[in-house]
């Protein structure tokens, strides 16, 4: 078990080495032909990116978003239509008896907001 934790170092009593003092800024000359070569490669990559046909990817994303929105609309519809259908029952009666409606309505409002509020 002790061999599993041997990382190959040992403790010593000597003082740590002093870091070297910098002798000045390090500079290097980059050959002009190298700069030109790098710039040409960057221009080539940029041209290829701009020429890419992203319509398939955009179309796929649009379809996914439309499908998500359509599903959310169906979910909200499934929450609202039962209320309207129940309110429509017995049109000959003028009054609706609806005890505890505040709690019931608040619960339904929260369900609807959970679907329609994307970032809240």
PDB file of N, CA and C in Angstrom:
ATOM      1  N   UNK A   1       0.827  -1.193   0.000  1.00  0.00           N
ATOM      2  CA  UNK A   1       0.000   0.000   0.000  1.00  0.00           C
ATOM      3  C   UNK A   1       0.866   1.249   0.000  1.00  0.00           C
ATOM      4  N   UNK A   2       1.946   1.256   0.783  1.00  0.00           N
ATOM      5  CA  UNK A   2       2.815   2.434   0.856  1.00  0.00           C
ATOM      6  C   UNK A   2       3.473   2.722  -0.483  1.00  0.00           C
ATOM      7  N   UNK A   3       3.733   1.702  -1.290  1.00  0.00           N
ATOM      8  CA  UNK A   3       4.354   1.907  -2.596  1.00  0.00           C
ATOM      9  C   UNK A   3       3.425   2.654  -3.558  1.00  0.00           C
ATOM     10  N   UNK A   4       2.115   2.573  -3.332  1.00  0.00           N
ATOM     11  CA  UNK A   4       1.165   3.253  -4.213  1.00  0.00           C
ATOM     12  C   UNK A   4       1.280   4.769  -4.118  1.00  0.00           C
ATOM     13  N   UNK A   5       1.824   5.277  -2.998  1.00  0.00           N
ATOM     14  CA  UNK A   5       1.887   6.713  -2.794  1.00  0.00           C
ATOM     15  C   UNK A   5       3.289   7.277  -2.949  1.00  0.00           C
ATOM     16  N   UNK A   6       4.212   6.520  -3.529  1.00  0.00           N
ATOM     17  CA  UNK A   6       5.570   7.012  -3.762  1.00  0.00           C
ATOM     18  C   UNK A   6       5.593   7.762  -5.084  1.00  0.00           C
ATOM     19  N   UNK A   7       5.677   9.101  -4.994  1.00  0.00           N
ATOM     20  CA  UNK A   7       5.669   9.926  -6.194  1.00  0.00           C
ATOM     21  C   UNK A   7       7.071  10.267  -6.670  1.00  0.00           C
ATOM     22  N   UNK A   8       8.088   9.741  -5.995  1.00  0.00           N
ATOM     23  CA  UNK A   8       9.455   9.929  -6.457  1.00  0.00           C
ATOM     24  C   UNK A   8      10.136  11.163  -5.909  1.00  0.00           C
ATOM     25  N   UNK A   9       9.632  11.794  -4.870  1.00  0.00           N
ATOM     26  CA  UNK A   9      10.315  12.946  -4.285  1.00  0.00           C
ATOM     27  C   UNK A   9      10.614  12.671  -2.816  1.00  0.00           C
ATOM     28  N   UNK A  10      11.587  13.397  -2.293  1.00  0.00           N
ATOM     29  CA  UNK A  10      11.944  13.282  -0.874  1.00  0.00           C
ATOM     30  C   UNK A  10      12.106  14.667  -0.287  1.00  0.00           C
ATOM     31  N   UNK A  11      11.936  14.795   1.007  1.00  0.00           N
ATOM     32  CA  UNK A  11      12.116  16.072   1.694  1.00  0.00           C
ATOM     33  C   UNK A  11      13.603  16.304   1.923  1.00  0.00           C
ATOM     34  N   UNK A  12      14.036  17.565   1.841  1.00  0.00           N
ATOM     35  CA  UNK A  12      15.432  17.915   2.063  1.00  0.00           C
ATOM     36  C   UNK A  12      15.510  19.093   3.028  1.00  0.00           C
ATOM     37  N   UNK A  13      16.682  19.252   3.645  1.00  0.00           N
ATOM     38  CA  UNK A  13      16.883  20.349   4.581  1.00  0.00           C
ATOM     39  C   UNK A  13      17.504  21.566   3.927  1.00  0.00           C
ATOM     40  N   UNK A  14      17.985  21.459   2.706  1.00  0.00           N
ATOM     41  CA  UNK A  14      18.638  22.580   2.037  1.00  0.00           C
ATOM     42  C   UNK A  14      17.631  23.671   1.693  1.00  0.00           C
ATOM     43  N   UNK A  15      18.120  24.895   1.620  1.00  0.00           N
ATOM     44  CA  UNK A  15      17.282  26.035   1.250  1.00  0.00           C
ATOM     45  C   UNK A  15      16.912  25.916  -0.222  1.00  0.00           C
ATOM     46  N   UNK A  16      15.757  26.423  -0.598  1.00  0.00           N
ATOM     47  CA  UNK A  16      15.366  26.358  -2.014  1.00  0.00           C
ATOM     48  C   UNK A  16      16.281  27.219  -2.867  1.00  0.00           C
ATOM     49  N   UNK A  17      16.350  26.895  -4.131  1.00  0.00           N
ATOM     50  CA  UNK A  17      17.157  27.658  -5.066  1.00  0.00           C
ATOM     51  C   UNK A  17      16.577  29.051  -5.258  1.00  0.00           C
ATOM     52  N   UNK A  18      17.445  30.014  -5.458  1.00  0.00           N
ATOM     53  CA  UNK A  18      17.008  31.375  -5.714  1.00  0.00           C
ATOM     54  C   UNK A  18      16.643  31.515  -7.190  1.00  0.00           C
ATOM     55  N   UNK A  19      15.554  32.216  -7.495  1.00  0.00           N
ATOM     56  CA  UNK A  19      15.199  32.386  -8.910  1.00  0.00           C
ATOM     57  C   UNK A  19      16.219  33.270  -9.610  1.00  0.00           C
ATOM     58  N   UNK A  20      16.392  33.024 -10.881  1.00  0.00           N
ATOM     59  CA  UNK A  20      17.295  33.827 -11.686  1.00  0.00           C
ATOM     60  C   UNK A  20      16.717  35.207 -11.892  1.00  0.00           C
ATOM     61  N   UNK A  21      17.596  36.198 -11.894  1.00  0.00           N
ATOM     62  CA  UNK A  21      17.174  37.567 -12.168  1.00  0.00           C
ATOM     63  C   UNK A  21      17.010  37.727 -13.677  1.00  0.00           C
ATOM     64  N   UNK A  22      15.921  38.348 -14.123  1.00  0.00           N
ATOM     65  CA  UNK A  22      15.765  38.550 -15.564  1.00  0.00           C
ATOM     66  C   UNK A  22      16.815  39.523 -16.074  1.00  0.00           C
ATOM     67  N   UNK A  23      17.338  39.226 -17.243  1.00  0.00           N
ATOM     68  CA  UNK A  23      18.387  40.060 -17.809  1.00  0.00           C
ATOM     69  C   UNK A  23      17.817  41.131 -18.737  1.00  0.00           C
ATOM     70  N   UNK A  24      16.518  41.137 -18.940  1.00  0.00           N
ATOM     71  CA  UNK A  24      15.885  42.100 -19.829  1.00  0.00           C
ATOM     72  C   UNK A  24      14.776  41.426 -20.600  1.00  0.00           C
ATOM     73  N   UNK A  25      14.062  42.181 -21.373  1.00  0.00           N
ATOM     74  CA  UNK A  25      12.954  41.580 -22.130  1.00  0.00           C
ATOM     75  C   UNK A  25      13.476  40.632 -23.201  1.00  0.00           C
ATOM     76  N   UNK A  26      12.706  39.570 -23.374  1.00  0.00           N
ATOM     77  CA  UNK A  26      13.040  38.581 -24.390  1.00  0.00           C
ATOM     78  C   UNK A  26      12.285  38.950 -25.658  1.00  0.00           C
ATOM     79  N   UNK A  27      12.998  39.110 -26.717  1.00  0.00           N
ATOM     80  CA  UNK A  27      12.368  39.435 -27.992  1.00  0.00           C
ATOM     81  C   UNK A  27      12.870  38.475 -29.053  1.00  0.00           C
ATOM     82  N   UNK A  28      12.058  38.300 -30.046  1.00  0.00           N
ATOM     83  CA  UNK A  28      12.447  37.441 -31.160  1.00  0.00           C
ATOM     84  C   UNK A  28      11.931  38.056 -32.439  1.00  0.00           C
ATOM     85  N   UNK A  29      12.714  37.986 -33.454  1.00  0.00           N
ATOM     86  CA  UNK A  29      12.288  38.471 -34.756  1.00  0.00           C
ATOM     87  C   UNK A  29      11.527  37.359 -35.461  1.00  0.00           C
ATOM     88  N   UNK A  30      10.344  37.688 -35.938  1.00  0.00           N
ATOM     89  CA  UNK A  30       9.560  36.725 -36.699  1.00  0.00           C
ATOM     90  C   UNK A  30       9.766  37.050 -38.163  1.00  0.00           C
ATOM     91  N   UNK A  31      10.247  36.059 -38.908  1.00  0.00           N
ATOM     92  CA  UNK A  31      10.499  36.297 -40.328  1.00  0.00           C
ATOM     93  C   UNK A  31       9.214  36.727 -41.044  1.00  0.00           C
ATOM     94  N   UNK A  32       9.347  37.645 -41.947  1.00  0.00           N
ATOM     95  CA  UNK A  32       8.209  38.206 -42.683  1.00  0.00           C
ATOM     96  C   UNK A  32       7.456  37.130 -43.460  1.00  0.00           C
ATOM     97  N   UNK A  33       8.196  36.163 -44.044  1.00  0.00           N
ATOM     98  CA  UNK A  33       7.517  35.110 -44.806  1.00  0.00           C
ATOM     99  C   UNK A  33       6.659  34.225 -43.901  1.00  0.00           C
ATOM    100  N   UNK A  34       7.066  34.089 -42.636  1.00  0.00           N
ATOM    101  CA  UNK A  34       6.264  33.322 -41.678  1.00  0.00           C
ATOM    102  C   UNK A  34       4.975  34.087 -41.357  1.00  0.00           C
ATOM    103  N   UNK A  35       5.088  35.393 -41.151  1.00  0.00           N
ATOM    104  CA  UNK A  35       3.908  36.220 -40.883  1.00  0.00           C
ATOM    105  C   UNK A  35       2.934  36.131 -42.051  1.00  0.00           C
ATOM    106  N   UNK A  36       3.486  36.237 -43.267  1.00  0.00           N
ATOM    107  CA  UNK A  36       2.644  36.171 -44.462  1.00  0.00           C
ATOM    108  C   UNK A  36       1.948  34.821 -44.569  1.00  0.00           C
ATOM    109  N   UNK A  37       2.681  33.758 -44.254  1.00  0.00           N
ATOM    110  CA  UNK A  37       2.125  32.410 -44.333  1.00  0.00           C
ATOM    111  C   UNK A  37       0.976  32.235 -43.329  1.00  0.00           C
ATOM    112  N   UNK A  38       1.173  32.716 -42.113  1.00  0.00           N
ATOM    113  CA  UNK A  38       0.132  32.602 -41.083  1.00  0.00           C
ATOM    114  C   UNK A  38      -1.091  33.422 -41.478  1.00  0.00           C
ATOM    115  N   UNK A  39      -0.873  34.627 -41.937  1.00  0.00           N
ATOM    116  CA  UNK A  39      -1.984  35.475 -42.340  1.00  0.00           C
ATOM    117  C   UNK A  39      -2.755  34.860 -43.501  1.00  0.00           C
ATOM    118  N   UNK A  40      -2.054  34.257 -44.458  1.00  0.00           N
ATOM    119  CA  UNK A  40      -2.726  33.626 -45.591  1.00  0.00           C
ATOM    120  C   UNK A  40      -3.593  32.464 -45.115  1.00  0.00           C
ATOM    121  N   UNK A  41      -3.073  31.679 -44.173  1.00  0.00           N
ATOM    122  CA  UNK A  41      -3.857  30.557 -43.633  1.00  0.00           C
ATOM    123  C   UNK A  41      -5.106  31.072 -42.923  1.00  0.00           C
ATOM    124  N   UNK A  42      -4.979  32.164 -42.180  1.00  0.00           N
ATOM    125  CA  UNK A  42      -6.140  32.740 -41.501  1.00  0.00           C
ATOM    126  C   UNK A  42      -7.181  33.225 -42.506  1.00  0.00           C
ATOM    127  N   UNK A  43      -6.735  33.869 -43.572  1.00  0.00           N
ATOM    128  CA  UNK A  43      -7.667  34.321 -44.611  1.00  0.00           C
ATOM    129  C   UNK A  43      -8.359  33.136 -45.279  1.00  0.00           C
ATOM    130  N   UNK A  44      -7.603  32.057 -45.512  1.00  0.00           N
ATOM    131  CA  UNK A  44      -8.190  30.864 -46.127  1.00  0.00           C
ATOM    132  C   UNK A  44      -9.262  30.256 -45.223  1.00  0.00           C
ATOM    133  N   UNK A  45      -8.985  30.177 -43.936  1.00  0.00           N
ATOM    134  CA  UNK A  45      -9.953  29.623 -42.985  1.00  0.00           C
ATOM    135  C   UNK A  45     -11.193  30.503 -42.936  1.00  0.00           C
ATOM    136  N   UNK A  46     -10.985  31.813 -42.895  1.00  0.00           N
ATOM    137  CA  UNK A  46     -12.114  32.741 -42.870  1.00  0.00           C
ATOM    138  C   UNK A  46     -12.974  32.564 -44.120  1.00  0.00           C
ATOM    139  N   UNK A  47     -12.347  32.435 -45.264  1.00  0.00           N
ATOM    140  CA  UNK A  47     -13.087  32.268 -46.514  1.00  0.00           C
ATOM    141  C   UNK A  47     -13.898  30.978 -46.497  1.00  0.00           C
ATOM    142  N   UNK A  48     -13.316  29.899 -45.974  1.00  0.00           N
ATOM    143  CA  UNK A  48     -14.038  28.625 -45.909  1.00  0.00           C
ATOM    144  C   UNK A  48     -15.233  28.718 -44.970  1.00  0.00           C
ATOM    145  N   UNK A  49     -15.074  29.408 -43.854  1.00  0.00           N
ATOM    146  CA  UNK A  49     -16.176  29.567 -42.902  1.00  0.00           C
ATOM    147  C   UNK A  49     -17.312  30.357 -43.541  1.00  0.00           C
ATOM    148  N   UNK A  50     -16.944  31.434 -44.238  1.00  0.00           N
ATOM    149  CA  UNK A  50     -17.969  32.264 -44.859  1.00  0.00           C
ATOM    150  C   UNK A  50     -18.676  31.550 -46.003  1.00  0.00           C
ATOM    151  N   UNK A  51     -18.008  30.609 -46.646  1.00  0.00           N
ATOM    152  CA  UNK A  51     -18.599  29.878 -47.763  1.00  0.00           C
ATOM    153  C   UNK A  51     -19.440  28.685 -47.312  1.00  0.00           C
ATOM    154  N   UNK A  52     -19.352  28.325 -46.030  1.00  0.00           N
ATOM    155  CA  UNK A  52     -20.073  27.146 -45.535  1.00  0.00           C
ATOM    156  C   UNK A  52     -21.582  27.348 -45.688  1.00  0.00           C
ATOM    157  N   UNK A  53     -22.249  26.277 -46.007  1.00  0.00           N
ATOM    158  CA  UNK A  53     -23.705  26.303 -46.136  1.00  0.00           C
ATOM    159  C   UNK A  53     -24.310  25.861 -44.809  1.00  0.00           C
ATOM    160  N   UNK A  54     -24.823  26.823 -44.052  1.00  0.00           N
ATOM    161  CA  UNK A  54     -25.406  26.540 -42.740  1.00  0.00           C
ATOM    162  C   UNK A  54     -26.924  26.426 -42.798  1.00  0.00           C
ATOM    163  N   UNK A  55     -27.497  26.434 -43.985  1.00  0.00           N
ATOM    164  CA  UNK A  55     -28.949  26.429 -44.075  1.00  0.00           C
ATOM    165  C   UNK A  55     -29.558  25.171 -43.470  1.00  0.00           C
ATOM    166  N   UNK A  56     -28.887  24.035 -43.621  1.00  0.00           N
ATOM    167  CA  UNK A  56     -29.405  22.793 -43.038  1.00  0.00           C
ATOM    168  C   UNK A  56     -29.429  22.868 -41.527  1.00  0.00           C
ATOM    169  N   UNK A  57     -28.371  23.400 -40.941  1.00  0.00           N
ATOM    170  CA  UNK A  57     -28.289  23.522 -39.496  1.00  0.00           C
ATOM    171  C   UNK A  57     -29.313  24.535 -38.990  1.00  0.00           C
ATOM    172  N   UNK A  58     -29.458  25.631 -39.696  1.00  0.00           N
ATOM    173  CA  UNK A  58     -30.433  26.656 -39.306  1.00  0.00           C
ATOM    174  C   UNK A  58     -31.844  26.098 -39.409  1.00  0.00           C
ATOM    175  N   UNK A  59     -32.112  25.372 -40.470  1.00  0.00           N
ATOM    176  CA  UNK A  59     -33.428  24.779 -40.666  1.00  0.00           C
ATOM    177  C   UNK A  59     -33.739  23.770 -39.558  1.00  0.00           C
ATOM    178  N   UNK A  60     -32.748  22.958 -39.196  1.00  0.00           N
ATOM    179  CA  UNK A  60     -32.946  21.978 -38.132  1.00  0.00           C
ATOM    180  C   UNK A  60     -33.230  22.679 -36.804  1.00  0.00           C
ATOM    181  N   UNK A  61     -32.481  23.734 -36.518  1.00  0.00           N
ATOM    182  CA  UNK A  61     -32.695  24.488 -35.281  1.00  0.00           C
ATOM    183  C   UNK A  61     -34.097  25.105 -35.268  1.00  0.00           C
ATOM    184  N   UNK A  62     -34.499  25.663 -36.400  1.00  0.00           N
ATOM    185  CA  UNK A  62     -35.829  26.265 -36.512  1.00  0.00           C
ATOM    186  C   UNK A  62     -36.907  25.215 -36.253  1.00  0.00           C
ATOM    187  N   UNK A  63     -36.745  24.024 -36.823  1.00  0.00           N
ATOM    188  CA  UNK A  63     -37.721  22.953 -36.611  1.00  0.00           C
ATOM    189  C   UNK A  63     -37.788  22.541 -35.146  1.00  0.00           C
ATOM    190  N   UNK A  64     -36.635  22.471 -34.485  1.00  0.00           N
ATOM    191  CA  UNK A  64     -36.623  22.108 -33.067  1.00  0.00           C
ATOM    192  C   UNK A  64     -37.330  23.162 -32.223  1.00  0.00           C
ATOM    193  N   UNK A  65     -37.065  24.430 -32.506  1.00  0.00           N
ATOM    194  CA  UNK A  65     -37.706  25.512 -31.754  1.00  0.00           C
ATOM    195  C   UNK A  65     -39.212  25.507 -32.002  1.00  0.00           C
ATOM    196  N   UNK A  66     -39.612  25.362 -33.261  1.00  0.00           N
ATOM    197  CA  UNK A  66     -41.043  25.335 -33.573  1.00  0.00           C
ATOM    198  C   UNK A  66     -41.735  24.162 -32.897  1.00  0.00           C
ATOM    199  N   UNK A  67     -41.080  23.002 -32.881  1.00  0.00           N
ATOM    200  CA  UNK A  67     -41.658  21.835 -32.208  1.00  0.00           C
ATOM    201  C   UNK A  67     -41.802  22.062 -30.711  1.00  0.00           C
ATOM    202  N   UNK A  68     -40.797  22.705 -30.102  1.00  0.00           N
ATOM    203  CA  UNK A  68     -40.848  22.997 -28.666  1.00  0.00           C
ATOM    204  C   UNK A  68     -41.980  23.971 -28.358  1.00  0.00           C
ATOM    205  N   UNK A  69     -42.099  25.008 -29.166  1.00  0.00           N
ATOM    206  CA  UNK A  69     -43.162  26.000 -28.963  1.00  0.00           C
ATOM    207  C   UNK A  69     -44.527  25.346 -29.150  1.00  0.00           C
ATOM    208  N   UNK A  70     -44.669  24.523 -30.174  1.00  0.00           N
ATOM    209  CA  UNK A  70     -45.948  23.857 -30.425  1.00  0.00           C
ATOM    210  C   UNK A  70     -46.331  22.965 -29.247  1.00  0.00           C
ATOM    211  N   UNK A  71     -45.363  22.252 -28.694  1.00  0.00           N
ATOM    212  CA  UNK A  71     -45.654  21.382 -27.545  1.00  0.00           C
ATOM    213  C   UNK A  71     -46.067  22.211 -26.335  1.00  0.00           C
ATOM    214  N   UNK A  72     -45.388  23.324 -26.101  1.00  0.00           N
ATOM    215  CA  UNK A  72     -45.755  24.182 -24.966  1.00  0.00           C
ATOM    216  C   UNK A  72     -47.161  24.758 -25.149  1.00  0.00           C
ATOM    217  N   UNK A  73     -47.510  25.135 -26.361  1.00  0.00           N
ATOM    218  CA  UNK A  73     -48.855  25.641 -26.611  1.00  0.00           C
ATOM    219  C   UNK A  73     -49.903  24.558 -26.351  1.00  0.00           C
ATOM    220  N   UNK A  74     -49.616  23.317 -26.755  1.00  0.00           N
ATOM    221  CA  UNK A  74     -50.548  22.216 -26.476  1.00  0.00           C
ATOM    222  C   UNK A  74     -50.688  21.999 -24.976  1.00  0.00           C
ATOM    223  N   UNK A  75     -49.567  22.094 -24.249  1.00  0.00           N
ATOM    224  CA  UNK A  75     -49.617  21.911 -22.797  1.00  0.00           C
ATOM    225  C   UNK A  75     -50.474  22.989 -22.130  1.00  0.00           C
ATOM    226  N   UNK A  76     -50.299  24.234 -22.560  1.00  0.00           N
ATOM    227  CA  UNK A  76     -51.100  25.331 -22.001  1.00  0.00           C
ATOM    228  C   UNK A  76     -52.572  25.153 -22.379  1.00  0.00           C
ATOM    229  N   UNK A  77     -52.808  24.753 -23.606  1.00  0.00           N
ATOM    230  CA  UNK A  77     -54.182  24.500 -24.051  1.00  0.00           C
ATOM    231  C   UNK A  77     -54.833  23.430 -23.185  1.00  0.00           C
ATOM    232  N   UNK A  78     -54.087  22.375 -22.870  1.00  0.00           N
ATOM    233  CA  UNK A  78     -54.615  21.299 -22.026  1.00  0.00           C
ATOM    234  C   UNK A  78     -54.941  21.783 -20.619  1.00  0.00           C
ATOM    235  N   UNK A  79     -54.339  22.875 -20.196  1.00  0.00           N
ATOM    236  CA  UNK A  79     -54.622  23.418 -18.875  1.00  0.00           C
ATOM    237  C   UNK A  79     -55.803  24.392 -18.889  1.00  0.00           C
ATOM    238  N   UNK A  80     -56.006  25.095 -19.981  1.00  0.00           N
ATOM    239  CA  UNK A  80     -57.029  26.132 -20.033  1.00  0.00           C
ATOM    240  C   UNK A  80     -58.369  25.589 -20.544  1.00  0.00           C
ATOM    241  N   UNK A  81     -58.338  24.728 -21.541  1.00  0.00           N
ATOM    242  CA  UNK A  81     -59.589  24.244 -22.130  1.00  0.00           C
ATOM    243  C   UNK A  81     -60.497  23.534 -21.134  1.00  0.00           C
ATOM    244  N   UNK A  82     -59.991  22.693 -20.226  1.00  0.00           N
ATOM    245  CA  UNK A  82     -60.915  22.082 -19.253  1.00  0.00           C
ATOM    246  C   UNK A  82     -61.682  23.119 -18.428  1.00  0.00           C
ATOM    247  N   UNK A  83     -61.026  24.214 -18.066  1.00  0.00           N
ATOM    248  CA  UNK A  83     -61.704  25.274 -17.327  1.00  0.00           C
ATOM    249  C   UNK A  83     -62.837  25.863 -18.164  1.00  0.00           C
ATOM    250  N   UNK A  84     -62.527  26.200 -19.402  1.00  0.00           N
ATOM    251  CA  UNK A  84     -63.541  26.811 -20.263  1.00  0.00           C
ATOM    252  C   UNK A  84     -64.689  25.848 -20.553  1.00  0.00           C
ATOM    253  N   UNK A  85     -64.376  24.588 -20.750  1.00  0.00           N
ATOM    254  CA  UNK A  85     -65.417  23.579 -21.012  1.00  0.00           C
ATOM    255  C   UNK A  85     -66.321  23.433 -19.791  1.00  0.00           C
ATOM    256  N   UNK A  86     -65.716  23.413 -18.594  1.00  0.00           N
ATOM    257  CA  UNK A  86     -66.520  23.300 -17.379  1.00  0.00           C
ATOM    258  C   UNK A  86     -67.371  24.548 -17.150  1.00  0.00           C
ATOM    259  N   UNK A  87     -66.829  25.726 -17.473  1.00  0.00           N
ATOM    260  CA  UNK A  87     -67.610  26.947 -17.335  1.00  0.00           C
ATOM    261  C   UNK A  87     -68.784  26.975 -18.316  1.00  0.00           C
ATOM    262  N   UNK A  88     -68.627  26.316 -19.439  1.00  0.00           N
ATOM    263  CA  UNK A  88     -69.649  26.300 -20.481  1.00  0.00           C
ATOM    264  C   UNK A  88     -70.812  25.351 -20.133  1.00  0.00           C
ATOM    265  N   UNK A  89     -70.563  24.386 -19.260  1.00  0.00           N
ATOM    266  CA  UNK A  89     -71.614  23.437 -18.866  1.00  0.00           C
ATOM    267  C   UNK A  89     -72.762  24.183 -18.192  1.00  0.00           C
ATOM    268  N   UNK A  90     -73.920  23.699 -18.351  1.00  0.00           N
ATOM    269  CA  UNK A  90     -75.126  24.241 -17.719  1.00  0.00           C
ATOM    270  C   UNK A  90     -75.305  25.732 -17.999  1.00  0.00           C
ATOM    271  N   UNK A  91     -75.406  26.140 -19.258  1.00  0.00           N
ATOM    272  CA  UNK A  91     -75.546  27.563 -19.564  1.00  0.00           C
ATOM    273  C   UNK A  91     -76.847  28.172 -19.047  1.00  0.00           C
ATOM    274  N   UNK A  92     -77.810  27.323 -18.708  1.00  0.00           N
ATOM    275  CA  UNK A  92     -79.082  27.852 -18.214  1.00  0.00           C
ATOM    276  C   UNK A  92     -78.971  28.380 -16.784  1.00  0.00           C
ATOM    277  N   UNK A  93     -77.916  28.004 -16.071  1.00  0.00           N
ATOM    278  CA  UNK A  93     -77.737  28.484 -14.701  1.00  0.00           C
ATOM    279  C   UNK A  93     -76.880  29.748 -14.727  1.00  0.00           C
ATOM    280  N   UNK A  94     -77.341  30.753 -13.989  1.00  0.00           N
ATOM    281  CA  UNK A  94     -76.652  32.037 -13.999  1.00  0.00           C
ATOM    282  C   UNK A  94     -75.442  32.080 -13.089  1.00  0.00           C
ATOM    283  N   UNK A  95     -75.446  31.299 -12.047  1.00  0.00           N
ATOM    284  CA  UNK A  95     -74.393  31.395 -11.038  1.00  0.00           C
ATOM    285  C   UNK A  95     -73.537  30.134 -11.018  1.00  0.00           C
ATOM    286  N   UNK A  96     -72.284  30.316 -10.659  1.00  0.00           N
ATOM    287  CA  UNK A  96     -71.341  29.201 -10.553  1.00  0.00           C
ATOM    288  C   UNK A  96     -70.887  29.117  -9.106  1.00  0.00           C
ATOM    289  N   UNK A  97     -71.032  27.947  -8.532  1.00  0.00           N
ATOM    290  CA  UNK A  97     -70.545  27.709  -7.173  1.00  0.00           C
ATOM    291  C   UNK A  97     -69.112  27.189  -7.287  1.00  0.00           C
ATOM    292  N   UNK A  98     -68.148  27.947  -6.760  1.00  0.00           N
ATOM    293  CA  UNK A  98     -66.741  27.587  -6.936  1.00  0.00           C
ATOM    294  C   UNK A  98     -65.971  27.860  -5.642  1.00  0.00           C
ATOM    295  N   UNK A  99     -66.134  26.988  -4.658  1.00  0.00           N
ATOM    296  CA  UNK A  99     -65.414  27.184  -3.396  1.00  0.00           C
ATOM    297  C   UNK A  99     -63.917  26.916  -3.568  1.00  0.00           C
ATOM    298  N   UNK A 100     -63.103  27.557  -2.759  1.00  0.00           N
ATOM    299  CA  UNK A 100     -61.637  27.390  -2.757  1.00  0.00           C
ATOM    300  C   UNK A 100     -61.005  27.714  -4.117  1.00  0.00           C
ATOM    301  N   UNK A 101     -61.622  28.574  -4.865  1.00  0.00           N
ATOM    302  CA  UNK A 101     -61.121  28.836  -6.215  1.00  0.00           C
ATOM    303  C   UNK A 101     -59.769  29.527  -6.216  1.00  0.00           C
ATOM    304  N   UNK A 102     -59.464  30.331  -5.212  1.00  0.00           N
ATOM    305  CA  UNK A 102     -58.184  31.041  -5.194  1.00  0.00           C
ATOM    306  C   UNK A 102     -57.022  30.054  -5.220  1.00  0.00           C
ATOM    307  N   UNK A 103     -57.048  29.054  -4.388  1.00  0.00           N
ATOM    308  CA  UNK A 103     -55.964  28.058  -4.354  1.00  0.00           C
ATOM    309  C   UNK A 103     -55.895  27.275  -5.665  1.00  0.00           C
ATOM    310  N   UNK A 104     -57.054  26.908  -6.190  1.00  0.00           N
ATOM    311  CA  UNK A 104     -57.102  26.139  -7.440  1.00  0.00           C
ATOM    312  C   UNK A 104     -56.558  26.980  -8.598  1.00  0.00           C
ATOM    313  N   UNK A 105     -56.977  28.243  -8.670  1.00  0.00           N
ATOM    314  CA  UNK A 105     -56.528  29.122  -9.753  1.00  0.00           C
ATOM    315  C   UNK A 105     -55.033  29.406  -9.623  1.00  0.00           C
ATOM    316  N   UNK A 106     -54.565  29.680  -8.407  1.00  0.00           N
ATOM    317  CA  UNK A 106     -53.131  29.931  -8.201  1.00  0.00           C
ATOM    318  C   UNK A 106     -52.282  28.740  -8.628  1.00  0.00           C
ATOM    319  N   UNK A 107     -52.757  27.543  -8.330  1.00  0.00           N
ATOM    320  CA  UNK A 107     -52.032  26.325  -8.728  1.00  0.00           C
ATOM    321  C   UNK A 107     -51.956  26.222 -10.257  1.00  0.00           C
ATOM    322  N   UNK A 108     -53.056  26.538 -10.919  1.00  0.00           N
ATOM    323  CA  UNK A 108     -53.082  26.470 -12.384  1.00  0.00           C
ATOM    324  C   UNK A 108     -52.211  27.569 -12.992  1.00  0.00           C
ATOM    325  N   UNK A 109     -52.229  28.751 -12.388  1.00  0.00           N
ATOM    326  CA  UNK A 109     -51.368  29.844 -12.871  1.00  0.00           C
ATOM    327  C   UNK A 109     -49.902  29.438 -12.790  1.00  0.00           C
ATOM    328  N   UNK A 110     -49.501  28.820 -11.709  1.00  0.00           N
ATOM    329  CA  UNK A 110     -48.103  28.378 -11.570  1.00  0.00           C
ATOM    330  C   UNK A 110     -47.742  27.326 -12.612  1.00  0.00           C
ATOM    331  N   UNK A 111     -48.650  26.422 -12.908  1.00  0.00           N
ATOM    332  CA  UNK A 111     -48.392  25.415 -13.950  1.00  0.00           C
ATOM    333  C   UNK A 111     -48.194  26.082 -15.310  1.00  0.00           C
ATOM    334  N   UNK A 112     -49.048  27.057 -15.597  1.00  0.00           N
ATOM    335  CA  UNK A 112     -48.953  27.751 -16.889  1.00  0.00           C
ATOM    336  C   UNK A 112     -47.652  28.539 -16.960  1.00  0.00           C
ATOM    337  N   UNK A 113     -47.301  29.230 -15.898  1.00  0.00           N
ATOM    338  CA  UNK A 113     -46.049  29.992 -15.891  1.00  0.00           C
ATOM    339  C   UNK A 113     -44.833  29.089 -16.028  1.00  0.00           C
ATOM    340  N   UNK A 114     -44.897  27.904 -15.455  1.00  0.00           N
ATOM    341  CA  UNK A 114     -43.771  26.957 -15.575  1.00  0.00           C
ATOM    342  C   UNK A 114     -43.529  26.583 -17.033  1.00  0.00           C
ATOM    343  N   UNK A 115     -44.576  26.598 -17.826  1.00  0.00           N
ATOM    344  CA  UNK A 115     -44.446  26.262 -19.241  1.00  0.00           C
ATOM    345  C   UNK A 115     -44.050  27.484 -20.073  1.00  0.00           C
ATOM    346  N   UNK A 116     -44.683  28.623 -19.785  1.00  0.00           N
ATOM    347  CA  UNK A 116     -44.513  29.781 -20.665  1.00  0.00           C
ATOM    348  C   UNK A 116     -43.338  30.668 -20.309  1.00  0.00           C
ATOM    349  N   UNK A 117     -42.869  30.640 -19.108  1.00  0.00           N
ATOM    350  CA  UNK A 117     -41.760  31.506 -18.697  1.00  0.00           C
ATOM    351  C   UNK A 117     -40.468  30.734 -18.851  1.00  0.00           C
ATOM    352  N   UNK A 118     -39.738  31.068 -19.875  1.00  0.00           N
ATOM    353  CA  UNK A 118     -38.531  30.312 -20.215  1.00  0.00           C
ATOM    354  C   UNK A 118     -37.396  30.578 -19.247  1.00  0.00           C
ATOM    355  N   UNK A 119     -37.192  31.835 -18.821  1.00  0.00           N
ATOM    356  CA  UNK A 119     -36.021  32.173 -18.017  1.00  0.00           C
ATOM    357  C   UNK A 119     -36.330  32.572 -16.575  1.00  0.00           C
ATOM    358  N   UNK A 120     -37.570  32.531 -16.166  1.00  0.00           N
ATOM    359  CA  UNK A 120     -37.898  32.945 -14.797  1.00  0.00           C
ATOM    360  C   UNK A 120     -37.506  31.916 -13.779  1.00  0.00           C
TER     361      UNK A 120
END
